[in-house]
């Protein structure tokens, strides 16, 4: 079983509300990269500080993406991009 959480800048929510989009339309809207909003630099710095404070460490750093792993929980991974924070938990099935 796996879980994922996506967090976007508040400006994206405001943009979709101003357009009057329902939830299904929002999912289609965010699929198009040009519709996304960037986090402010100060927001990205704050997110990074919170991740580190919560025992995440940088796993890989790319030009437009940083991957984090939790120090104790290998099933948890985080990807931070200029437009979103994506948390994933993958539970291994025990048979």
N, C-alpha and C. Protein backbone atom coordinates (compact mmCIF):
# COMPACT_ATOMS: atom_id res chain seq x y z
N UNK A 1 0.85 -1.16 0.00
CA UNK A 1 0.00 0.00 0.00
C UNK A 1 0.91 1.24 0.00
N UNK A 2 0.45 2.28 -0.65
CA UNK A 2 1.24 3.51 -0.66
C UNK A 2 0.32 4.72 -0.50
N UNK A 3 0.91 5.77 0.00
CA UNK A 3 0.20 7.02 0.20
C UNK A 3 1.03 8.14 -0.41
N UNK A 4 0.37 9.15 -0.91
CA UNK A 4 1.11 10.31 -1.40
C UNK A 4 0.35 11.57 -1.06
N UNK A 5 1.10 12.60 -0.76
CA UNK A 5 0.56 13.92 -0.44
C UNK A 5 1.28 14.92 -1.31
N UNK A 6 0.53 15.79 -1.95
CA UNK A 6 1.11 16.86 -2.78
C UNK A 6 0.73 18.20 -2.16
N UNK A 7 1.73 19.06 -2.01
CA UNK A 7 1.51 20.38 -1.44
C UNK A 7 1.97 21.42 -2.45
N UNK A 8 1.09 22.36 -2.74
CA UNK A 8 1.39 23.40 -3.73
C UNK A 8 1.31 24.77 -3.07
N UNK A 9 1.92 25.78 -3.68
CA UNK A 9 1.84 27.14 -3.13
C UNK A 9 0.38 27.61 -3.04
N UNK A 10 0.08 28.41 -2.05
CA UNK A 10 -1.27 28.91 -1.84
C UNK A 10 -1.76 29.69 -3.06
N UNK A 11 -0.86 30.27 -3.80
CA UNK A 11 -1.24 31.03 -5.00
C UNK A 11 -1.94 30.14 -6.03
N UNK A 12 -1.58 28.87 -6.06
CA UNK A 12 -2.23 27.94 -6.99
C UNK A 12 -3.69 27.74 -6.58
N UNK A 13 -3.92 27.61 -5.29
CA UNK A 13 -5.30 27.46 -4.81
C UNK A 13 -6.12 28.69 -5.15
N UNK A 14 -5.54 29.85 -4.91
CA UNK A 14 -6.25 31.10 -5.22
C UNK A 14 -6.56 31.19 -6.70
N UNK A 15 -5.62 30.76 -7.53
CA UNK A 15 -5.81 30.78 -8.98
C UNK A 15 -6.97 29.88 -9.40
N UNK A 16 -7.03 28.67 -8.82
CA UNK A 16 -8.10 27.74 -9.20
C UNK A 16 -9.45 28.21 -8.66
N UNK A 17 -9.45 28.83 -7.50
CA UNK A 17 -10.71 29.37 -6.96
C UNK A 17 -11.22 30.52 -7.81
N UNK A 18 -10.30 31.38 -8.25
CA UNK A 18 -10.69 32.51 -9.09
C UNK A 18 -11.28 32.04 -10.42
N UNK A 19 -10.82 30.87 -10.89
CA UNK A 19 -11.34 30.31 -12.13
C UNK A 19 -12.62 29.51 -11.90
N UNK A 20 -12.98 29.32 -10.63
CA UNK A 20 -14.20 28.58 -10.31
C UNK A 20 -14.13 27.11 -10.62
N UNK A 21 -12.94 26.52 -10.51
CA UNK A 21 -12.76 25.11 -10.86
C UNK A 21 -13.25 24.19 -9.74
N UNK A 22 -13.92 23.10 -10.14
CA UNK A 22 -14.28 22.08 -9.15
C UNK A 22 -13.08 21.15 -8.98
N UNK A 23 -13.18 20.21 -8.05
CA UNK A 23 -12.04 19.36 -7.73
C UNK A 23 -11.52 18.58 -8.94
N UNK A 24 -12.42 18.03 -9.73
CA UNK A 24 -11.97 17.29 -10.93
C UNK A 24 -11.23 18.21 -11.89
N UNK A 25 -11.74 19.43 -12.06
CA UNK A 25 -11.09 20.39 -12.95
C UNK A 25 -9.72 20.80 -12.42
N UNK A 26 -9.60 20.89 -11.09
CA UNK A 26 -8.30 21.25 -10.49
C UNK A 26 -7.26 20.20 -10.83
N UNK A 27 -7.62 18.93 -10.72
CA UNK A 27 -6.67 17.86 -11.04
C UNK A 27 -6.22 17.95 -12.50
N UNK A 28 -7.13 18.24 -13.39
CA UNK A 28 -6.76 18.41 -14.80
C UNK A 28 -5.92 19.67 -15.00
N UNK A 29 -6.24 20.72 -14.27
CA UNK A 29 -5.54 22.00 -14.36
C UNK A 29 -4.07 21.86 -13.96
N UNK A 30 -3.80 21.15 -12.87
CA UNK A 30 -2.42 21.04 -12.39
C UNK A 30 -1.58 20.07 -13.22
N UNK A 31 -2.21 19.31 -14.08
CA UNK A 31 -1.46 18.43 -14.97
C UNK A 31 -0.66 19.22 -16.01
N UNK A 32 -1.08 20.44 -16.29
CA UNK A 32 -0.39 21.29 -17.26
C UNK A 32 0.61 22.17 -16.52
N UNK A 33 1.88 21.95 -16.80
CA UNK A 33 2.95 22.63 -16.06
C UNK A 33 2.84 24.15 -16.10
N UNK A 34 2.36 24.71 -17.19
CA UNK A 34 2.27 26.16 -17.30
C UNK A 34 1.24 26.76 -16.34
N UNK A 35 0.35 25.94 -15.79
CA UNK A 35 -0.65 26.43 -14.84
C UNK A 35 -0.13 26.49 -13.40
N UNK A 36 1.00 25.85 -13.15
CA UNK A 36 1.53 25.78 -11.79
C UNK A 36 2.16 27.11 -11.37
N UNK A 37 2.20 27.32 -10.07
CA UNK A 37 2.83 28.49 -9.48
C UNK A 37 4.07 28.05 -8.73
N UNK A 38 5.10 28.87 -8.71
CA UNK A 38 6.31 28.57 -7.97
C UNK A 38 6.19 29.00 -6.52
N UNK A 39 6.84 28.23 -5.64
CA UNK A 39 7.02 28.69 -4.27
C UNK A 39 7.95 29.90 -4.30
N UNK A 40 7.77 30.83 -3.39
CA UNK A 40 8.72 31.93 -3.22
C UNK A 40 10.00 31.32 -2.65
N UNK A 41 11.13 31.98 -2.90
CA UNK A 41 12.41 31.48 -2.38
C UNK A 41 12.35 31.31 -0.86
N UNK A 42 11.72 32.24 -0.17
CA UNK A 42 11.62 32.15 1.29
C UNK A 42 10.79 30.93 1.71
N UNK A 43 9.76 30.58 0.93
CA UNK A 43 8.96 29.40 1.23
C UNK A 43 9.77 28.12 1.04
N UNK A 44 10.55 28.07 -0.04
CA UNK A 44 11.40 26.90 -0.28
C UNK A 44 12.40 26.72 0.84
N UNK A 45 13.01 27.81 1.28
CA UNK A 45 13.99 27.73 2.38
C UNK A 45 13.32 27.24 3.65
N UNK A 46 12.13 27.71 3.93
CA UNK A 46 11.41 27.30 5.13
C UNK A 46 11.05 25.81 5.07
N UNK A 47 10.61 25.36 3.91
CA UNK A 47 10.28 23.93 3.74
C UNK A 47 11.53 23.08 3.96
N UNK A 48 12.64 23.49 3.37
CA UNK A 48 13.89 22.75 3.53
C UNK A 48 14.31 22.67 4.99
N UNK A 49 14.20 23.78 5.71
CA UNK A 49 14.55 23.80 7.13
C UNK A 49 13.65 22.86 7.93
N UNK A 50 12.37 22.84 7.62
CA UNK A 50 11.44 21.96 8.33
C UNK A 50 11.75 20.50 8.05
N UNK A 51 12.09 20.18 6.81
CA UNK A 51 12.43 18.79 6.48
C UNK A 51 13.66 18.34 7.26
N UNK A 52 14.68 19.16 7.28
CA UNK A 52 15.91 18.81 7.99
C UNK A 52 15.65 18.68 9.48
N UNK A 53 14.85 19.58 10.03
CA UNK A 53 14.51 19.53 11.46
C UNK A 53 13.76 18.24 11.79
N UNK A 54 13.05 17.70 10.83
CA UNK A 54 12.28 16.47 11.05
C UNK A 54 13.02 15.22 10.58
N UNK A 55 14.33 15.32 10.54
CA UNK A 55 15.23 14.19 10.25
C UNK A 55 15.21 13.69 8.82
N UNK A 56 14.93 14.57 7.88
CA UNK A 56 15.09 14.24 6.48
C UNK A 56 16.47 14.73 6.05
N UNK A 57 17.09 14.00 5.15
CA UNK A 57 18.38 14.42 4.61
C UNK A 57 18.29 14.41 3.09
N UNK A 58 19.10 15.24 2.47
CA UNK A 58 19.11 15.30 1.01
C UNK A 58 19.66 13.98 0.49
N UNK A 59 18.89 13.36 -0.38
CA UNK A 59 19.30 12.11 -1.00
C UNK A 59 19.97 12.39 -2.34
N UNK A 60 19.30 13.17 -3.18
CA UNK A 60 19.84 13.57 -4.49
C UNK A 60 19.37 14.97 -4.80
N UNK A 61 20.24 15.72 -5.43
CA UNK A 61 19.91 17.10 -5.80
C UNK A 61 20.07 17.24 -7.31
N UNK A 62 19.03 17.74 -7.95
CA UNK A 62 19.02 17.96 -9.39
C UNK A 62 18.84 19.45 -9.63
N UNK A 63 18.82 19.86 -10.87
CA UNK A 63 18.67 21.28 -11.19
C UNK A 63 17.35 21.84 -10.67
N UNK A 64 16.24 21.15 -10.87
CA UNK A 64 14.93 21.66 -10.46
C UNK A 64 14.22 20.74 -9.48
N UNK A 65 14.98 19.97 -8.72
CA UNK A 65 14.35 19.02 -7.80
C UNK A 65 15.36 18.56 -6.76
N UNK A 66 14.89 18.40 -5.54
CA UNK A 66 15.70 17.82 -4.48
C UNK A 66 14.92 16.68 -3.86
N UNK A 67 15.56 15.51 -3.77
CA UNK A 67 14.95 14.34 -3.15
C UNK A 67 15.48 14.19 -1.74
N UNK A 68 14.59 13.88 -0.82
CA UNK A 68 14.94 13.69 0.58
C UNK A 68 14.54 12.29 1.02
N UNK A 69 15.28 11.73 1.94
CA UNK A 69 14.94 10.47 2.60
C UNK A 69 14.93 10.73 4.10
N UNK A 70 14.06 9.98 4.80
CA UNK A 70 14.03 10.10 6.25
C UNK A 70 15.15 9.25 6.82
N UNK A 71 15.79 9.74 7.87
CA UNK A 71 16.93 9.04 8.46
C UNK A 71 16.53 7.67 8.99
N UNK A 72 15.37 7.58 9.66
CA UNK A 72 14.95 6.32 10.28
C UNK A 72 13.97 5.51 9.45
N UNK A 73 13.19 6.16 8.62
CA UNK A 73 12.11 5.47 7.92
C UNK A 73 12.37 5.47 6.41
N UNK A 74 12.93 4.39 5.93
CA UNK A 74 13.31 4.31 4.52
C UNK A 74 12.10 4.26 3.59
N UNK A 75 10.92 3.98 4.12
CA UNK A 75 9.72 3.91 3.29
C UNK A 75 9.14 5.28 2.99
N UNK A 76 9.71 6.33 3.59
CA UNK A 76 9.22 7.69 3.39
C UNK A 76 10.21 8.44 2.51
N UNK A 77 9.70 9.05 1.43
CA UNK A 77 10.55 9.87 0.58
C UNK A 77 9.82 11.17 0.26
N UNK A 78 10.60 12.19 0.00
CA UNK A 78 10.07 13.52 -0.27
C UNK A 78 10.78 14.08 -1.48
N UNK A 79 10.01 14.73 -2.35
CA UNK A 79 10.58 15.43 -3.49
C UNK A 79 10.11 16.89 -3.41
N UNK A 80 11.06 17.80 -3.47
CA UNK A 80 10.75 19.23 -3.44
C UNK A 80 11.16 19.83 -4.78
N UNK A 81 10.19 20.47 -5.43
CA UNK A 81 10.43 21.15 -6.70
C UNK A 81 10.04 22.61 -6.52
N UNK A 82 10.35 23.47 -7.48
CA UNK A 82 9.93 24.86 -7.36
C UNK A 82 8.41 25.03 -7.28
N UNK A 83 7.65 24.04 -7.76
CA UNK A 83 6.19 24.18 -7.81
C UNK A 83 5.44 23.28 -6.83
N UNK A 84 6.12 22.38 -6.12
CA UNK A 84 5.39 21.50 -5.21
C UNK A 84 6.28 20.69 -4.29
N UNK A 85 5.66 20.22 -3.22
CA UNK A 85 6.28 19.33 -2.26
C UNK A 85 5.50 18.03 -2.31
N UNK A 86 6.19 16.92 -2.55
CA UNK A 86 5.54 15.64 -2.77
C UNK A 86 6.09 14.63 -1.77
N UNK A 87 5.21 14.13 -0.91
CA UNK A 87 5.58 13.16 0.11
C UNK A 87 5.00 11.81 -0.26
N UNK A 88 5.82 10.76 -0.14
CA UNK A 88 5.38 9.42 -0.50
C UNK A 88 5.75 8.42 0.59
N UNK A 89 4.79 7.59 0.94
CA UNK A 89 5.01 6.53 1.89
C UNK A 89 4.64 5.22 1.21
N UNK A 90 5.59 4.31 1.15
CA UNK A 90 5.33 3.01 0.54
C UNK A 90 5.52 1.96 1.62
N UNK A 91 4.43 1.30 1.96
CA UNK A 91 4.47 0.25 2.95
C UNK A 91 4.71 -1.07 2.24
N UNK A 92 5.64 -1.81 2.74
CA UNK A 92 5.93 -3.12 2.15
C UNK A 92 4.88 -4.11 2.64
N UNK A 93 4.37 -4.88 1.73
CA UNK A 93 3.36 -5.88 2.06
C UNK A 93 4.04 -7.08 2.67
N UNK A 94 3.50 -7.54 3.77
CA UNK A 94 4.02 -8.73 4.44
C UNK A 94 3.08 -9.88 4.13
N UNK A 95 3.66 -10.97 3.64
CA UNK A 95 2.78 -12.10 3.29
C UNK A 95 2.92 -13.23 4.28
